[in-house]
Amino acid sequence: MHLLFWLSLVPFITAWTGENNFAALPAALYGTVLLCAAIAYFILTRSLIACQGKGSALAVAVGRDFKGKTSMAVYALAILLAFVNSWIACALYVLVAVLWLVPDRRIEKALTL
């Protein structure tokens, strides 16, 4: 429910950011919503791994969760940079999306096990 709450805010904050031509405050709040969703995803995966055990298929698939941790760090940086230049923040948001679109090697490793 925590993750779904933050994801439900994405359409509203996206519309507000677009209506204000990517001004600093809407761009920063957009990043805040994305950061909170990333934190909720991290908590969810850690909770599921704790229930299933460290040797579970999910734990092997998630691995060290480089993408998840990197996403949170980039979102936090983008929130700060939104007040310097909102376009840099938006570029960082796009960078995180591209990071998740790139195929992950950990899936290949999990399938071979």
PDB file of N, CA and C in Angstrom:
ATOM      1  N   MET A   1       0.822  -1.187   0.000  1.00  0.00           N
ATOM      2  CA  MET A   1       0.000   0.000   0.000  1.00  0.00           C
ATOM      3  C   MET A   1       0.867   1.252   0.000  1.00  0.00           C
ATOM      4  N   HIS A   2       2.003   1.159   0.670  1.00  0.00           N
ATOM      5  CA  HIS A   2       2.918   2.303   0.727  1.00  0.00           C
ATOM      6  C   HIS A   2       3.391   2.666  -0.680  1.00  0.00           C
ATOM      7  N   LEU A   3       3.831   1.682  -1.427  1.00  0.00           N
ATOM      8  CA  LEU A   3       4.295   1.921  -2.797  1.00  0.00           C
ATOM      9  C   LEU A   3       3.156   2.410  -3.684  1.00  0.00           C
ATOM     10  N   LEU A   4       2.003   1.806  -3.563  1.00  0.00           N
ATOM     11  CA  LEU A   4       0.858   2.219  -4.385  1.00  0.00           C
ATOM     12  C   LEU A   4       0.433   3.650  -4.101  1.00  0.00           C
ATOM     13  N   PHE A   5       0.534   4.077  -2.861  1.00  0.00           N
ATOM     14  CA  PHE A   5       0.195   5.460  -2.538  1.00  0.00           C
ATOM     15  C   PHE A   5       1.081   6.428  -3.311  1.00  0.00           C
ATOM     16  N   TRP A   6       2.387   6.206  -3.264  1.00  0.00           N
ATOM     17  CA  TRP A   6       3.296   7.127  -3.948  1.00  0.00           C
ATOM     18  C   TRP A   6       3.123   7.055  -5.456  1.00  0.00           C
ATOM     19  N   LEU A   7       2.875   5.875  -5.978  1.00  0.00           N
ATOM     20  CA  LEU A   7       2.658   5.752  -7.420  1.00  0.00           C
ATOM     21  C   LEU A   7       1.362   6.428  -7.856  1.00  0.00           C
ATOM     22  N   SER A   8       0.375   6.477  -6.968  1.00  0.00           N
ATOM     23  CA  SER A   8      -0.882   7.137  -7.315  1.00  0.00           C
ATOM     24  C   SER A   8      -0.716   8.650  -7.433  1.00  0.00           C
ATOM     25  N   LEU A   9       0.315   9.209  -6.832  1.00  0.00           N
ATOM     26  CA  LEU A   9       0.561  10.645  -6.913  1.00  0.00           C
ATOM     27  C   LEU A   9       1.286  11.065  -8.191  1.00  0.00           C
ATOM     28  N   VAL A  10       1.874  10.118  -8.893  1.00  0.00           N
ATOM     29  CA  VAL A  10       2.671  10.436 -10.084  1.00  0.00           C
ATOM     30  C   VAL A  10       1.876  11.197 -11.149  1.00  0.00           C
ATOM     31  N   PRO A  11       0.656  10.797 -11.524  1.00  0.00           N
ATOM     32  CA  PRO A  11      -0.062  11.567 -12.551  1.00  0.00           C
ATOM     33  C   PRO A  11      -0.331  13.017 -12.148  1.00  0.00           C
ATOM     34  N   PHE A  12      -0.655  13.243 -10.893  1.00  0.00           N
ATOM     35  CA  PHE A  12      -0.952  14.598 -10.433  1.00  0.00           C
ATOM     36  C   PHE A  12       0.289  15.478 -10.428  1.00  0.00           C
ATOM     37  N   ILE A  13       1.377  14.955  -9.906  1.00  0.00           N
ATOM     38  CA  ILE A  13       2.596  15.753  -9.838  1.00  0.00           C
ATOM     39  C   ILE A  13       3.190  15.952 -11.230  1.00  0.00           C
ATOM     40  N   THR A  14       2.993  14.992 -12.120  1.00  0.00           N
ATOM     41  CA  THR A  14       3.455  15.149 -13.496  1.00  0.00           C
ATOM     42  C   THR A  14       2.678  16.262 -14.193  1.00  0.00           C
ATOM     43  N   ALA A  15       1.377  16.279 -14.004  1.00  0.00           N
ATOM     44  CA  ALA A  15       0.556  17.336 -14.611  1.00  0.00           C
ATOM     45  C   ALA A  15       0.928  18.698 -14.051  1.00  0.00           C
ATOM     46  N   TRP A  16       1.126  18.787 -12.751  1.00  0.00           N
ATOM     47  CA  TRP A  16       1.477  20.063 -12.136  1.00  0.00           C
ATOM     48  C   TRP A  16       2.838  20.557 -12.616  1.00  0.00           C
ATOM     49  N   THR A  17       3.783  19.631 -12.761  1.00  0.00           N
ATOM     50  CA  THR A  17       5.108  20.000 -13.254  1.00  0.00           C
ATOM     51  C   THR A  17       5.023  20.506 -14.689  1.00  0.00           C
ATOM     52  N   GLY A  18       4.236  19.843 -15.517  1.00  0.00           N
ATOM     53  CA  GLY A  18       4.082  20.266 -16.906  1.00  0.00           C
ATOM     54  C   GLY A  18       3.359  21.597 -17.038  1.00  0.00           C
ATOM     55  N   GLU A  19       2.350  21.813 -16.215  1.00  0.00           N
ATOM     56  CA  GLU A  19       1.594  23.073 -16.269  1.00  0.00           C
ATOM     57  C   GLU A  19       2.447  24.272 -15.873  1.00  0.00           C
ATOM     58  N   ASN A  20       3.435  24.045 -15.038  1.00  0.00           N
ATOM     59  CA  ASN A  20       4.296  25.126 -14.572  1.00  0.00           C
ATOM     60  C   ASN A  20       5.633  25.183 -15.302  1.00  0.00           C
ATOM     61  N   ASN A  21       5.697  24.537 -16.469  1.00  0.00           N
ATOM     62  CA  ASN A  21       6.898  24.568 -17.325  1.00  0.00           C
ATOM     63  C   ASN A  21       8.170  24.177 -16.578  1.00  0.00           C
ATOM     64  N   PHE A  22       8.054  23.136 -15.791  1.00  0.00           N
ATOM     65  CA  PHE A  22       9.205  22.567 -15.078  1.00  0.00           C
ATOM     66  C   PHE A  22       9.879  23.583 -14.162  1.00  0.00           C
ATOM     67  N   ALA A  23       9.074  24.327 -13.430  1.00  0.00           N
ATOM     68  CA  ALA A  23       9.606  25.272 -12.440  1.00  0.00           C
ATOM     69  C   ALA A  23      10.293  24.489 -11.318  1.00  0.00           C
ATOM     70  N   ALA A  24      11.050  25.211 -10.511  1.00  0.00           N
ATOM     71  CA  ALA A  24      11.885  24.556  -9.495  1.00  0.00           C
ATOM     72  C   ALA A  24      11.079  23.760  -8.470  1.00  0.00           C
ATOM     73  N   LEU A  25      10.069  24.362  -7.882  1.00  0.00           N
ATOM     74  CA  LEU A  25       9.306  23.668  -6.834  1.00  0.00           C
ATOM     75  C   LEU A  25       8.564  22.439  -7.363  1.00  0.00           C
ATOM     76  N   PRO A  26       7.816  22.536  -8.479  1.00  0.00           N
ATOM     77  CA  PRO A  26       7.172  21.321  -8.982  1.00  0.00           C
ATOM     78  C   PRO A  26       8.167  20.229  -9.386  1.00  0.00           C
ATOM     79  N   ALA A  27       9.302  20.639  -9.950  1.00  0.00           N
ATOM     80  CA  ALA A  27      10.318  19.645 -10.328  1.00  0.00           C
ATOM     81  C   ALA A  27      10.897  18.965  -9.096  1.00  0.00           C
ATOM     82  N   ALA A  28      11.102  19.720  -8.031  1.00  0.00           N
ATOM     83  CA  ALA A  28      11.617  19.135  -6.793  1.00  0.00           C
ATOM     84  C   ALA A  28      10.583  18.208  -6.157  1.00  0.00           C
ATOM     85  N   LEU A  29       9.329  18.607  -6.161  1.00  0.00           N
ATOM     86  CA  LEU A  29       8.282  17.745  -5.597  1.00  0.00           C
ATOM     87  C   LEU A  29       8.069  16.496  -6.446  1.00  0.00           C
ATOM     88  N   TYR A  30       8.259  16.615  -7.750  1.00  0.00           N
ATOM     89  CA  TYR A  30       8.206  15.441  -8.627  1.00  0.00           C
ATOM     90  C   TYR A  30       9.281  14.435  -8.194  1.00  0.00           C
ATOM     91  N   GLY A  31      10.472  14.939  -7.959  1.00  0.00           N
ATOM     92  CA  GLY A  31      11.551  14.076  -7.485  1.00  0.00           C
ATOM     93  C   GLY A  31      11.274  13.496  -6.114  1.00  0.00           C
ATOM     94  N   THR A  32      10.620  14.274  -5.260  1.00  0.00           N
ATOM     95  CA  THR A  32      10.279  13.785  -3.928  1.00  0.00           C
ATOM     96  C   THR A  32       9.312  12.613  -4.003  1.00  0.00           C
ATOM     97  N   VAL A  33       8.328  12.712  -4.886  1.00  0.00           N
ATOM     98  CA  VAL A  33       7.383  11.606  -5.070  1.00  0.00           C
ATOM     99  C   VAL A  33       8.111  10.381  -5.620  1.00  0.00           C
ATOM    100  N   LEU A  34       8.999  10.596  -6.594  1.00  0.00           N
ATOM    101  CA  LEU A  34       9.756   9.473  -7.149  1.00  0.00           C
ATOM    102  C   LEU A  34      10.683   8.855  -6.102  1.00  0.00           C
ATOM    103  N   LEU A  35      11.315   9.697  -5.293  1.00  0.00           N
ATOM    104  CA  LEU A  35      12.184   9.186  -4.232  1.00  0.00           C
ATOM    105  C   LEU A  35      11.391   8.380  -3.217  1.00  0.00           C
ATOM    106  N   CYS A  36      10.239   8.875  -2.827  1.00  0.00           N
ATOM    107  CA  CYS A  36       9.408   8.139  -1.866  1.00  0.00           C
ATOM    108  C   CYS A  36       8.934   6.808  -2.445  1.00  0.00           C
ATOM    109  N   ALA A  37       8.617   6.790  -3.737  1.00  0.00           N
ATOM    110  CA  ALA A  37       8.239   5.525  -4.379  1.00  0.00           C
ATOM    111  C   ALA A  37       9.424   4.565  -4.405  1.00  0.00           C
ATOM    112  N   ALA A  38      10.614   5.081  -4.658  1.00  0.00           N
ATOM    113  CA  ALA A  38      11.811   4.236  -4.675  1.00  0.00           C
ATOM    114  C   ALA A  38      12.095   3.674  -3.279  1.00  0.00           C
ATOM    115  N   ILE A  39      11.917   4.494  -2.265  1.00  0.00           N
ATOM    116  CA  ILE A  39      12.114   4.021  -0.892  1.00  0.00           C
ATOM    117  C   ILE A  39      11.082   2.955  -0.544  1.00  0.00           C
ATOM    118  N   ALA A  40       9.842   3.158  -0.954  1.00  0.00           N
ATOM    119  CA  ALA A  40       8.789   2.170  -0.698  1.00  0.00           C
ATOM    120  C   ALA A  40       9.099   0.848  -1.405  1.00  0.00           C
ATOM    121  N   TYR A  41       9.611   0.929  -2.639  1.00  0.00           N
ATOM    122  CA  TYR A  41      10.001  -0.275  -3.374  1.00  0.00           C
ATOM    123  C   TYR A  41      11.139  -0.995  -2.650  1.00  0.00           C
ATOM    124  N   PHE A  42      12.106  -0.241  -2.166  1.00  0.00           N
ATOM    125  CA  PHE A  42      13.229  -0.819  -1.437  1.00  0.00           C
ATOM    126  C   PHE A  42      12.746  -1.533  -0.175  1.00  0.00           C
ATOM    127  N   ILE A  43      11.863  -0.886   0.567  1.00  0.00           N
ATOM    128  CA  ILE A  43      11.307  -1.495   1.786  1.00  0.00           C
ATOM    129  C   ILE A  43      10.538  -2.766   1.444  1.00  0.00           C
ATOM    130  N   LEU A  44       9.759  -2.718   0.368  1.00  0.00           N
ATOM    131  CA  LEU A  44       8.984  -3.894  -0.041  1.00  0.00           C
ATOM    132  C   LEU A  44       9.887  -5.068  -0.390  1.00  0.00           C
ATOM    133  N   THR A  45      10.924  -4.818  -1.190  1.00  0.00           N
ATOM    134  CA  THR A  45      11.814  -5.924  -1.569  1.00  0.00           C
ATOM    135  C   THR A  45      12.541  -6.482  -0.359  1.00  0.00           C
ATOM    136  N   ARG A  46      12.993  -5.611   0.532  1.00  0.00           N
ATOM    137  CA  ARG A  46      13.692  -6.089   1.727  1.00  0.00           C
ATOM    138  C   ARG A  46      12.757  -6.887   2.636  1.00  0.00           C
ATOM    139  N   SER A  47      11.519  -6.470   2.739  1.00  0.00           N
ATOM    140  CA  SER A  47      10.553  -7.200   3.563  1.00  0.00           C
ATOM    141  C   SER A  47      10.264  -8.575   2.978  1.00  0.00           C
ATOM    142  N   LEU A  48      10.092  -8.646   1.673  1.00  0.00           N
ATOM    143  CA  LEU A  48       9.829  -9.936   1.029  1.00  0.00           C
ATOM    144  C   LEU A  48      11.024 -10.876   1.149  1.00  0.00           C
ATOM    145  N   ILE A  49      12.224 -10.324   1.002  1.00  0.00           N
ATOM    146  CA  ILE A  49      13.427 -11.152   1.139  1.00  0.00           C
ATOM    147  C   ILE A  49      13.559 -11.647   2.575  1.00  0.00           C
ATOM    148  N   ALA A  50      13.222 -10.814   3.541  1.00  0.00           N
ATOM    149  CA  ALA A  50      13.290 -11.235   4.946  1.00  0.00           C
ATOM    150  C   ALA A  50      12.309 -12.369   5.226  1.00  0.00           C
ATOM    151  N   CYS A  51      11.138 -12.336   4.587  1.00  0.00           N
ATOM    152  CA  CYS A  51      10.147 -13.402   4.775  1.00  0.00           C
ATOM    153  C   CYS A  51      10.558 -14.691   4.094  1.00  0.00           C
ATOM    154  N   GLN A  52      11.153 -14.579   2.914  1.00  0.00           N
ATOM    155  CA  GLN A  52      11.483 -15.766   2.126  1.00  0.00           C
ATOM    156  C   GLN A  52      12.857 -16.329   2.426  1.00  0.00           C
ATOM    157  N   GLY A  53      13.730 -15.541   2.950  1.00  0.00           N
ATOM    158  CA  GLY A  53      15.080 -15.997   3.250  1.00  0.00           C
ATOM    159  C   GLY A  53      16.083 -15.501   2.220  1.00  0.00           C
ATOM    160  N   LYS A  54      17.343 -15.450   2.652  1.00  0.00           N
ATOM    161  CA  LYS A  54      18.397 -14.907   1.786  1.00  0.00           C
ATOM    162  C   LYS A  54      18.747 -15.816   0.615  1.00  0.00           C
ATOM    163  N   GLY A  55      18.345 -17.061   0.665  1.00  0.00           N
ATOM    164  CA  GLY A  55      18.626 -17.981  -0.426  1.00  0.00           C
ATOM    165  C   GLY A  55      17.481 -18.118  -1.414  1.00  0.00           C
ATOM    166  N   SER A  56      16.434 -17.320  -1.254  1.00  0.00           N
ATOM    167  CA  SER A  56      15.256 -17.424  -2.120  1.00  0.00           C
ATOM    168  C   SER A  56      15.550 -16.917  -3.527  1.00  0.00           C
ATOM    169  N   ALA A  57      14.664 -17.290  -4.435  1.00  0.00           N
ATOM    170  CA  ALA A  57      14.825 -16.845  -5.825  1.00  0.00           C
ATOM    171  C   ALA A  57      14.761 -15.319  -5.928  1.00  0.00           C
ATOM    172  N   LEU A  58      13.921 -14.698  -5.118  1.00  0.00           N
ATOM    173  CA  LEU A  58      13.825 -13.237  -5.129  1.00  0.00           C
ATOM    174  C   LEU A  58      15.130 -12.608  -4.661  1.00  0.00           C
ATOM    175  N   ALA A  59      15.707 -13.132  -3.605  1.00  0.00           N
ATOM    176  CA  ALA A  59      16.965 -12.589  -3.087  1.00  0.00           C
ATOM    177  C   ALA A  59      18.075 -12.708  -4.117  1.00  0.00           C
ATOM    178  N   VAL A  60      18.100 -13.822  -4.822  1.00  0.00           N
ATOM    179  CA  VAL A  60      19.109 -14.009  -5.870  1.00  0.00           C
ATOM    180  C   VAL A  60      18.857 -13.037  -7.024  1.00  0.00           C
ATOM    181  N   ALA A  61      17.589 -12.860  -7.393  1.00  0.00           N
ATOM    182  CA  ALA A  61      17.252 -11.960  -8.500  1.00  0.00           C
ATOM    183  C   ALA A  61      17.554 -10.503  -8.154  1.00  0.00           C
ATOM    184  N   VAL A  62      17.275 -10.095  -6.921  1.00  0.00           N
ATOM    185  CA  VAL A  62      17.520  -8.708  -6.519  1.00  0.00           C
ATOM    186  C   VAL A  62      19.009  -8.458  -6.333  1.00  0.00           C
ATOM    187  N   GLY A  63      19.711  -9.431  -5.802  1.00  0.00           N
ATOM    188  CA  GLY A  63      21.155  -9.282  -5.609  1.00  0.00           C
ATOM    189  C   GLY A  63      21.472  -8.137  -4.672  1.00  0.00           C
ATOM    190  N   ARG A  64      22.447  -7.298  -5.053  1.00  0.00           N
ATOM    191  CA  ARG A  64      22.823  -6.146  -4.235  1.00  0.00           C
ATOM    192  C   ARG A  64      21.930  -4.946  -4.499  1.00  0.00           C
ATOM    193  N   ASP A  65      21.035  -5.046  -5.448  1.00  0.00           N
ATOM    194  CA  ASP A  65      20.076  -4.002  -5.801  1.00  0.00           C
ATOM    195  C   ASP A  65      20.768  -2.691  -6.169  1.00  0.00           C
ATOM    196  N   PHE A  66      21.720  -2.788  -7.081  1.00  0.00           N
ATOM    197  CA  PHE A  66      22.466  -1.610  -7.535  1.00  0.00           C
ATOM    198  C   PHE A  66      21.540  -0.557  -8.135  1.00  0.00           C
ATOM    199  N   LYS A  67      20.615  -0.999  -8.970  1.00  0.00           N
ATOM    200  CA  LYS A  67      19.713  -0.046  -9.617  1.00  0.00           C
ATOM    201  C   LYS A  67      18.820   0.666  -8.614  1.00  0.00           C
ATOM    202  N   GLY A  68      18.309  -0.053  -7.646  1.00  0.00           N
ATOM    203  CA  GLY A  68      17.432   0.549  -6.646  1.00  0.00           C
ATOM    204  C   GLY A  68      18.151   1.578  -5.793  1.00  0.00           C
ATOM    205  N   LYS A  69      19.337   1.241  -5.337  1.00  0.00           N
ATOM    206  CA  LYS A  69      20.105   2.166  -4.506  1.00  0.00           C
ATOM    207  C   LYS A  69      20.586   3.364  -5.312  1.00  0.00           C
ATOM    208  N   THR A  70      21.005   3.122  -6.539  1.00  0.00           N
ATOM    209  CA  THR A  70      21.440   4.214  -7.407  1.00  0.00           C
ATOM    210  C   THR A  70      20.282   5.153  -7.705  1.00  0.00           C
ATOM    211  N   SER A  71      19.109   4.594  -7.948  1.00  0.00           N
ATOM    212  CA  SER A  71      17.928   5.415  -8.230  1.00  0.00           C
ATOM    213  C   SER A  71      17.630   6.361  -7.083  1.00  0.00           C
ATOM    214  N   MET A  72      17.669   5.846  -5.863  1.00  0.00           N
ATOM    215  CA  MET A  72      17.396   6.702  -4.705  1.00  0.00           C
ATOM    216  C   MET A  72      18.415   7.825  -4.585  1.00  0.00           C
ATOM    217  N   ALA A  73      19.675   7.514  -4.825  1.00  0.00           N
ATOM    218  CA  ALA A  73      20.724   8.536  -4.733  1.00  0.00           C
ATOM    219  C   ALA A  73      20.553   9.604  -5.811  1.00  0.00           C
ATOM    220  N   VAL A  74      20.238   9.179  -7.033  1.00  0.00           N
ATOM    221  CA  VAL A  74      20.062  10.137  -8.128  1.00  0.00           C
ATOM    222  C   VAL A  74      18.829  10.999  -7.894  1.00  0.00           C
ATOM    223  N   TYR A  75      17.750  10.407  -7.391  1.00  0.00           N
ATOM    224  CA  TYR A  75      16.557  11.191  -7.079  1.00  0.00           C
ATOM    225  C   TYR A  75      16.858  12.248  -6.015  1.00  0.00           C
ATOM    226  N   ALA A  76      17.592  11.870  -4.979  1.00  0.00           N
ATOM    227  CA  ALA A  76      17.942  12.827  -3.928  1.00  0.00           C
ATOM    228  C   ALA A  76      18.793  13.967  -4.485  1.00  0.00           C
ATOM    229  N   LEU A  77      19.750  13.638  -5.331  1.00  0.00           N
ATOM    230  CA  LEU A  77      20.575  14.661  -5.972  1.00  0.00           C
ATOM    231  C   LEU A  77      19.736  15.559  -6.857  1.00  0.00           C
ATOM    232  N   ALA A  78      18.815  14.980  -7.605  1.00  0.00           N
ATOM    233  CA  ALA A  78      17.971  15.759  -8.514  1.00  0.00           C
ATOM    234  C   ALA A  78      17.062  16.718  -7.753  1.00  0.00           C
ATOM    235  N   ILE A  79      16.580  16.310  -6.590  1.00  0.00           N
ATOM    236  CA  ILE A  79      15.739  17.194  -5.781  1.00  0.00           C
ATOM    237  C   ILE A  79      16.518  18.443  -5.397  1.00  0.00           C
ATOM    238  N   LEU A  80      17.750  18.260  -4.980  1.00  0.00           N
ATOM    239  CA  LEU A  80      18.584  19.409  -4.622  1.00  0.00           C
ATOM    240  C   LEU A  80      18.901  20.279  -5.839  1.00  0.00           C
ATOM    241  N   LEU A  81      19.208  19.637  -6.963  1.00  0.00           N
ATOM    242  CA  LEU A  81      19.562  20.384  -8.167  1.00  0.00           C
ATOM    243  C   LEU A  81      18.371  21.062  -8.831  1.00  0.00           C
ATOM    244  N   ALA A  82      17.166  20.666  -8.465  1.00  0.00           N
ATOM    245  CA  ALA A  82      15.977  21.285  -9.059  1.00  0.00           C
ATOM    246  C   ALA A  82      15.926  22.773  -8.739  1.00  0.00           C
ATOM    247  N   PHE A  83      16.470  23.158  -7.601  1.00  0.00           N
ATOM    248  CA  PHE A  83      16.461  24.569  -7.227  1.00  0.00           C
ATOM    249  C   PHE A  83      17.593  25.347  -7.891  1.00  0.00           C
ATOM    250  N   VAL A  84      18.572  24.634  -8.443  1.00  0.00           N
ATOM    251  CA  VAL A  84      19.645  25.274  -9.204  1.00  0.00           C
ATOM    252  C   VAL A  84      19.214  25.413 -10.655  1.00  0.00           C
ATOM    253  N   ASN A  85      18.815  24.288 -11.249  1.00  0.00           N
ATOM    254  CA  ASN A  85      18.333  24.261 -12.626  1.00  0.00           C
ATOM    255  C   ASN A  85      17.384  23.077 -12.757  1.00  0.00           C
ATOM    256  N   SER A  86      16.121  23.372 -12.971  1.00  0.00           N
ATOM    257  CA  SER A  86      15.125  22.304 -12.998  1.00  0.00           C
ATOM    258  C   SER A  86      15.310  21.361 -14.184  1.00  0.00           C
ATOM    259  N   TRP A  87      15.922  21.838 -15.250  1.00  0.00           N
ATOM    260  CA  TRP A  87      16.145  20.967 -16.414  1.00  0.00           C
ATOM    261  C   TRP A  87      17.196  19.900 -16.128  1.00  0.00           C
ATOM    262  N   ILE A  88      18.162  20.222 -15.298  1.00  0.00           N
ATOM    263  CA  ILE A  88      19.144  19.204 -14.886  1.00  0.00           C
ATOM    264  C   ILE A  88      18.442  18.129 -14.067  1.00  0.00           C
ATOM    265  N   ALA A  89      17.557  18.547 -13.183  1.00  0.00           N
ATOM    266  CA  ALA A  89      16.804  17.586 -12.378  1.00  0.00           C
ATOM    267  C   ALA A  89      15.967  16.677 -13.270  1.00  0.00           C
ATOM    268  N   CYS A  90      15.296  17.261 -14.245  1.00  0.00           N
ATOM    269  CA  CYS A  90      14.476  16.454 -15.162  1.00  0.00           C
ATOM    270  C   CYS A  90      15.344  15.487 -15.968  1.00  0.00           C
ATOM    271  N   ALA A  91      16.532  15.927 -16.353  1.00  0.00           N
ATOM    272  CA  ALA A  91      17.452  15.035 -17.067  1.00  0.00           C
ATOM    273  C   ALA A  91      17.858  13.861 -16.182  1.00  0.00           C
ATOM    274  N   LEU A  92      18.045  14.123 -14.897  1.00  0.00           N
ATOM    275  CA  LEU A  92      18.385  13.035 -13.979  1.00  0.00           C
ATOM    276  C   LEU A  92      17.224  12.059 -13.808  1.00  0.00           C
ATOM    277  N   TYR A  93      15.994  12.577 -13.823  1.00  0.00           N
ATOM    278  CA  TYR A  93      14.830  11.686 -13.745  1.00  0.00           C
ATOM    279  C   TYR A  93      14.778  10.775 -14.975  1.00  0.00           C
ATOM    280  N   VAL A  94      15.081  11.333 -16.121  1.00  0.00           N
ATOM    281  CA  VAL A  94      15.110  10.543 -17.358  1.00  0.00           C
ATOM    282  C   VAL A  94      16.241   9.523 -17.290  1.00  0.00           C
ATOM    283  N   LEU A  95      17.369   9.917 -16.726  1.00  0.00           N
ATOM    284  CA  LEU A  95      18.502   9.001 -16.588  1.00  0.00           C
ATOM    285  C   LEU A  95      18.122   7.771 -15.767  1.00  0.00           C
ATOM    286  N   VAL A  96      17.386   7.972 -14.691  1.00  0.00           N
ATOM    287  CA  VAL A  96      16.948   6.835 -13.870  1.00  0.00           C
ATOM    288  C   VAL A  96      16.002   5.934 -14.667  1.00  0.00           C
ATOM    289  N   ALA A  97      15.115   6.536 -15.447  1.00  0.00           N
ATOM    290  CA  ALA A  97      14.199   5.724 -16.263  1.00  0.00           C
ATOM    291  C   ALA A  97      14.973   4.888 -17.275  1.00  0.00           C
ATOM    292  N   VAL A  98      15.973   5.482 -17.890  1.00  0.00           N
ATOM    293  CA  VAL A  98      16.803   4.748 -18.859  1.00  0.00           C
ATOM    294  C   VAL A  98      17.581   3.645 -18.154  1.00  0.00           C
ATOM    295  N   LEU A  99      18.054   3.917 -16.945  1.00  0.00           N
ATOM    296  CA  LEU A  99      18.764   2.907 -16.160  1.00  0.00           C
ATOM    297  C   LEU A  99      17.914   1.660 -15.974  1.00  0.00           C
ATOM    298  N   TRP A 100      16.614   1.847 -15.729  1.00  0.00           N
ATOM    299  CA  TRP A 100      15.726   0.705 -15.521  1.00  0.00           C
ATOM    300  C   TRP A 100      15.314   0.038 -16.824  1.00  0.00           C
ATOM    301  N   LEU A 101      15.449   0.741 -17.954  1.00  0.00           N
ATOM    302  CA  LEU A 101      15.110   0.133 -19.241  1.00  0.00           C
ATOM    303  C   LEU A 101      16.215  -0.772 -19.773  1.00  0.00           C
ATOM    304  N   VAL A 102      17.434  -0.530 -19.334  1.00  0.00           N
ATOM    305  CA  VAL A 102      18.563  -1.351 -19.772  1.00  0.00           C
ATOM    306  C   VAL A 102      18.409  -2.744 -19.166  1.00  0.00           C
ATOM    307  N   PRO A 103      18.533  -3.787 -19.991  1.00  0.00           N
ATOM    308  CA  PRO A 103      18.402  -5.150 -19.450  1.00  0.00           C
ATOM    309  C   PRO A 103      19.419  -5.408 -18.340  1.00  0.00           C
ATOM    310  N   ASP A 104      19.004  -6.179 -17.383  1.00  0.00           N
ATOM    311  CA  ASP A 104      19.791  -6.416 -16.182  1.00  0.00           C
ATOM    312  C   ASP A 104      20.486  -7.760 -16.251  1.00  0.00           C
ATOM    313  N   ARG A 105      21.749  -7.794 -15.916  1.00  0.00           N
ATOM    314  CA  ARG A 105      22.510  -9.047 -15.942  1.00  0.00           C
ATOM    315  C   ARG A 105      22.124  -9.980 -14.794  1.00  0.00           C
ATOM    316  N   ARG A 106      21.582  -9.434 -13.729  1.00  0.00           N
ATOM    317  CA  ARG A 106      21.245 -10.290 -12.597  1.00  0.00           C
ATOM    318  C   ARG A 106      20.129 -11.253 -12.936  1.00  0.00           C
ATOM    319  N   ILE A 107      19.260 -10.905 -13.894  1.00  0.00           N
ATOM    320  CA  ILE A 107      18.201 -11.806 -14.325  1.00  0.00           C
ATOM    321  C   ILE A 107      18.805 -13.014 -15.047  1.00  0.00           C
ATOM    322  N   GLU A 108      19.799 -12.751 -15.903  1.00  0.00           N
ATOM    323  CA  GLU A 108      20.484 -13.842 -16.596  1.00  0.00           C
ATOM    324  C   GLU A 108      21.151 -14.780 -15.602  1.00  0.00           C
ATOM    325  N   LYS A 109      21.788 -14.201 -14.571  1.00  0.00           N
ATOM    326  CA  LYS A 109      22.443 -15.020 -13.556  1.00  0.00           C
ATOM    327  C   LYS A 109      21.440 -15.852 -12.767  1.00  0.00           C
ATOM    328  N   ALA A 110      20.281 -15.269 -12.470  1.00  0.00           N
ATOM    329  CA  ALA A 110      19.264 -15.982 -11.702  1.00  0.00           C
ATOM    330  C   ALA A 110      18.690 -17.133 -12.507  1.00  0.00           C
ATOM    331  N   LEU A 111      18.563 -16.953 -13.818  1.00  0.00           N
ATOM    332  CA  LEU A 111      18.005 -18.017 -14.652  1.00  0.00           C
ATOM    333  C   LEU A 111      18.950 -19.188 -14.813  1.00  0.00           C
ATOM    334  N   THR A 112      20.252 -18.943 -14.731  1.00  0.00           N
ATOM    335  CA  THR A 112      21.220 -20.035 -14.897  1.00  0.00           C
ATOM    336  C   THR A 112      21.390 -20.861 -13.646  1.00  0.00           C
ATOM    337  N   LEU A 113      20.935 -20.321 -12.498  1.00  0.00           N
ATOM    338  CA  LEU A 113      21.086 -21.065 -11.239  1.00  0.00           C
ATOM    339  C   LEU A 113      20.130 -22.197 -11.112  1.00  0.00           C
TER     340      LEU A 113
END
